Amino acid sequence: MTRLPVLRALLTAHLSLVAIVWVIMILGTHVILAVYELSSPADMDRSIWHYAATQVSRWLAFFCGIDAITTYLRLHVAHGRTRGDFLRQLWPYFIGLAAPLGLLLTLGYLVERLAYGFAGGK
């Protein structure tokens, strides 16, 4: 039996969700960039990724936190563990989720910068 079963389950479930949403956001912003570049003679002067990253990432982190409490707390208590044990595993989970999410969002800005460079923008 592992010492941190909830932490392992939460990170496994939610980090894969974060990665999938990040890929969808990258593809979506690049589709918007491509459509704008093909339809408008003016250069793109705003960061599309900024709008996606600031809105979607907030709601994604909020969803993961709510899901951790509403889904996994019930399972944890139903299997004979305490709420305190759950909360002790929740803090490392929040840090373990925030760090990769921040890294992926920063990487998204770099990918967008490369895309703008290929498109001839700023």
C-alpha atoms as a PDB file:
ATOM      1  CA  MET A   1       0.000   0.000   0.000  1.00  0.00           C
ATOM      2  CA  THR A   2       1.377   3.411  -0.892  1.00  0.00           C
ATOM      3  CA  ARG A   3       1.655   6.226   1.597  1.00  0.00           C
ATOM      4  CA  LEU A   4       0.111   8.844  -0.680  1.00  0.00           C
ATOM      5  CA  PRO A   5      -2.594   7.087  -2.691  1.00  0.00           C
ATOM      6  CA  VAL A   6      -4.745  10.176  -3.213  1.00  0.00           C
ATOM      7  CA  LEU A   7      -1.826  12.317  -4.324  1.00  0.00           C
ATOM      8  CA  ARG A   8      -0.824   9.721  -6.905  1.00  0.00           C
ATOM      9  CA  ALA A   9      -4.397   9.315  -8.193  1.00  0.00           C
ATOM     10  CA  LEU A  10      -5.042  13.056  -8.388  1.00  0.00           C
ATOM     11  CA  LEU A  11      -1.812  13.861 -10.201  1.00  0.00           C
ATOM     12  CA  THR A  12      -2.274  10.982 -12.632  1.00  0.00           C
ATOM     13  CA  ALA A  13      -5.807  12.036 -13.512  1.00  0.00           C
ATOM     14  CA  HIS A  14      -5.409  15.789 -13.587  1.00  0.00           C
ATOM     15  CA  LEU A  15      -1.971  16.177 -15.159  1.00  0.00           C
ATOM     16  CA  SER A  16      -3.107  14.180 -18.166  1.00  0.00           C
ATOM     17  CA  LEU A  17      -6.213  16.392 -18.375  1.00  0.00           C
ATOM     18  CA  VAL A  18      -4.045  19.525 -18.206  1.00  0.00           C
ATOM     19  CA  ALA A  19      -1.810  18.199 -20.999  1.00  0.00           C
ATOM     20  CA  ILE A  20      -4.792  17.390 -23.230  1.00  0.00           C
ATOM     21  CA  VAL A  21      -6.366  20.809 -22.672  1.00  0.00           C
ATOM     22  CA  TRP A  22      -2.998  22.474 -23.374  1.00  0.00           C
ATOM     23  CA  VAL A  23      -2.702  20.694 -26.726  1.00  0.00           C
ATOM     24  CA  ILE A  24      -6.246  21.741 -27.627  1.00  0.00           C
ATOM     25  CA  MET A  25      -5.450  25.345 -26.647  1.00  0.00           C
ATOM     26  CA  ILE A  26      -2.255  25.352 -28.736  1.00  0.00           C
ATOM     27  CA  LEU A  27      -4.085  23.989 -31.777  1.00  0.00           C
ATOM     28  CA  GLY A  28      -6.980  26.411 -31.307  1.00  0.00           C
ATOM     29  CA  THR A  29      -4.779  29.481 -31.033  1.00  0.00           C
ATOM     30  CA  HIS A  30      -2.799  28.445 -34.098  1.00  0.00           C
ATOM     31  CA  VAL A  31      -5.982  27.933 -36.105  1.00  0.00           C
ATOM     32  CA  ILE A  32      -7.100  31.432 -35.106  1.00  0.00           C
ATOM     33  CA  LEU A  33      -3.685  32.806 -36.051  1.00  0.00           C
ATOM     34  CA  ALA A  34      -3.758  31.046 -39.423  1.00  0.00           C
ATOM     35  CA  VAL A  35      -7.263  32.272 -40.231  1.00  0.00           C
ATOM     36  CA  TYR A  36      -6.336  35.829 -39.270  1.00  0.00           C
ATOM     37  CA  GLU A  37      -3.129  35.764 -41.289  1.00  0.00           C
ATOM     38  CA  LEU A  38      -4.914  34.427 -44.365  1.00  0.00           C
ATOM     39  CA  SER A  39      -7.884  36.779 -44.156  1.00  0.00           C
ATOM     40  CA  SER A  40      -6.297  40.053 -43.068  1.00  0.00           C
ATOM     41  CA  PRO A  41      -3.465  41.997 -44.683  1.00  0.00           C
ATOM     42  CA  ALA A  42      -2.544  43.604 -41.334  1.00  0.00           C
ATOM     43  CA  ASP A  43      -0.073  42.031 -38.938  1.00  0.00           C
ATOM     44  CA  MET A  44      -1.360  40.396 -35.784  1.00  0.00           C
ATOM     45  CA  ASP A  45      -0.485  42.737 -32.929  1.00  0.00           C
ATOM     46  CA  ARG A  46      -2.064  40.875 -30.008  1.00  0.00           C
ATOM     47  CA  SER A  47      -1.290  37.627 -28.276  1.00  0.00           C
ATOM     48  CA  ILE A  48      -4.076  35.135 -28.822  1.00  0.00           C
ATOM     49  CA  TRP A  49      -2.391  32.749 -26.397  1.00  0.00           C
ATOM     50  CA  HIS A  50      -2.657  35.372 -23.651  1.00  0.00           C
ATOM     51  CA  TYR A  51      -6.447  35.349 -23.897  1.00  0.00           C
ATOM     52  CA  ALA A  52      -6.588  31.552 -23.939  1.00  0.00           C
ATOM     53  CA  ALA A  53      -4.017  31.069 -21.186  1.00  0.00           C
ATOM     54  CA  THR A  54      -5.465  33.589 -18.753  1.00  0.00           C
ATOM     55  CA  GLN A  55      -9.039  32.368 -19.087  1.00  0.00           C
ATOM     56  CA  VAL A  56      -8.822  28.629 -19.651  1.00  0.00           C
ATOM     57  CA  SER A  57      -6.038  27.988 -17.137  1.00  0.00           C
ATOM     58  CA  ARG A  58      -7.953  29.655 -14.324  1.00  0.00           C
ATOM     59  CA  TRP A  59     -11.043  27.586 -14.954  1.00  0.00           C
ATOM     60  CA  LEU A  60      -9.010  24.430 -15.457  1.00  0.00           C
ATOM     61  CA  ALA A  61      -7.222  24.840 -12.109  1.00  0.00           C
ATOM     62  CA  PHE A  62     -10.556  25.666 -10.475  1.00  0.00           C
ATOM     63  CA  PHE A  63     -12.148  22.547 -11.973  1.00  0.00           C
ATOM     64  CA  CYS A  64      -9.282  20.321 -10.842  1.00  0.00           C
ATOM     65  CA  GLY A  65      -9.526  21.676  -7.283  1.00  0.00           C
ATOM     66  CA  ILE A  66     -13.290  21.221  -7.147  1.00  0.00           C
ATOM     67  CA  ASP A  67     -12.991  17.725  -8.658  1.00  0.00           C
ATOM     68  CA  ALA A  68     -10.351  16.792  -6.095  1.00  0.00           C
ATOM     69  CA  ILE A  69     -12.678  17.697  -3.245  1.00  0.00           C
ATOM     70  CA  THR A  70     -16.024  16.482  -4.586  1.00  0.00           C
ATOM     71  CA  THR A  71     -14.860  13.215  -6.136  1.00  0.00           C
ATOM     72  CA  TYR A  72     -11.802  12.031  -4.278  1.00  0.00           C
ATOM     73  CA  LEU A  73     -12.679  13.134  -0.730  1.00  0.00           C
ATOM     74  CA  ARG A  74     -15.740  10.879  -0.716  1.00  0.00           C
ATOM     75  CA  LEU A  75     -13.706   7.913  -1.909  1.00  0.00           C
ATOM     76  CA  HIS A  76     -10.996   8.636   0.617  1.00  0.00           C
ATOM     77  CA  VAL A  77     -13.390   8.789   3.568  1.00  0.00           C
ATOM     78  CA  ALA A  78     -15.400   5.786   2.325  1.00  0.00           C
ATOM     79  CA  HIS A  79     -12.247   3.675   2.413  1.00  0.00           C
ATOM     80  CA  GLY A  80     -11.597   4.449   6.064  1.00  0.00           C
ATOM     81  CA  ARG A  81      -9.109   7.276   5.864  1.00  0.00           C
ATOM     82  CA  THR A  82      -9.474  10.630   7.586  1.00  0.00           C
ATOM     83  CA  ARG A  83     -10.168  14.058   6.142  1.00  0.00           C
ATOM     84  CA  GLY A  84      -6.925  15.278   7.692  1.00  0.00           C
ATOM     85  CA  ASP A  85      -4.971  12.641   5.783  1.00  0.00           C
ATOM     86  CA  PHE A  86      -6.715  13.775   2.611  1.00  0.00           C
ATOM     87  CA  LEU A  87      -5.827  17.420   3.239  1.00  0.00           C
ATOM     88  CA  ARG A  88      -2.189  16.523   3.930  1.00  0.00           C
ATOM     89  CA  GLN A  89      -2.070  14.963   0.459  1.00  0.00           C
ATOM     90  CA  LEU A  90      -3.952  17.827  -1.159  1.00  0.00           C
ATOM     91  CA  TRP A  91      -1.285  20.507  -0.606  1.00  0.00           C
ATOM     92  CA  PRO A  92       1.457  18.667  -2.507  1.00  0.00           C
ATOM     93  CA  TYR A  93      -1.141  17.986  -5.206  1.00  0.00           C
ATOM     94  CA  PHE A  94      -1.863  21.698  -5.633  1.00  0.00           C
ATOM     95  CA  ILE A  95       1.847  22.426  -5.962  1.00  0.00           C
ATOM     96  CA  GLY A  96       2.304  19.436  -8.267  1.00  0.00           C
ATOM     97  CA  LEU A  97      -0.513  20.704 -10.465  1.00  0.00           C
ATOM     98  CA  ALA A  98       0.440  24.395 -10.444  1.00  0.00           C
ATOM     99  CA  ALA A  99       4.064  23.865 -11.450  1.00  0.00           C
ATOM    100  CA  PRO A 100       3.395  21.877 -14.674  1.00  0.00           C
ATOM    101  CA  LEU A 101       0.451  24.137 -15.524  1.00  0.00           C
ATOM    102  CA  GLY A 102       2.671  27.202 -15.219  1.00  0.00           C
ATOM    103  CA  LEU A 103       5.384  25.516 -17.259  1.00  0.00           C
ATOM    104  CA  LEU A 104       2.947  24.570 -20.031  1.00  0.00           C
ATOM    105  CA  LEU A 105       1.493  28.085 -20.150  1.00  0.00           C
ATOM    106  CA  THR A 106       4.977  29.581 -20.430  1.00  0.00           C
ATOM    107  CA  LEU A 107       5.829  27.075 -23.139  1.00  0.00           C
ATOM    108  CA  GLY A 108       2.650  28.158 -24.946  1.00  0.00           C
ATOM    109  CA  TYR A 109       3.935  31.737 -25.118  1.00  0.00           C
ATOM    110  CA  LEU A 110       7.177  30.476 -26.656  1.00  0.00           C
ATOM    111  CA  VAL A 111       5.308  28.350 -29.206  1.00  0.00           C
ATOM    112  CA  GLU A 112       3.142  31.342 -30.086  1.00  0.00           C
ATOM    113  CA  ARG A 113       6.242  33.501 -30.541  1.00  0.00           C
ATOM    114  CA  LEU A 114       7.643  30.933 -32.974  1.00  0.00           C
ATOM    115  CA  ALA A 115       4.339  30.849 -34.841  1.00  0.00           C
ATOM    116  CA  TYR A 116       4.315  34.638 -35.123  1.00  0.00           C
ATOM    117  CA  GLY A 117       7.887  34.526 -36.380  1.00  0.00           C
ATOM    118  CA  PHE A 118       6.949  32.043 -39.109  1.00  0.00           C
ATOM    119  CA  ALA A 119       3.895  34.119 -40.014  1.00  0.00           C
ATOM    120  CA  GLY A 120       5.995  37.271 -40.335  1.00  0.00           C
ATOM    121  CA  GLY A 121       4.488  39.037 -37.313  1.00  0.00           C
ATOM    122  CA  LYS A 122       6.094  40.666 -34.319  1.00  0.00           C
END
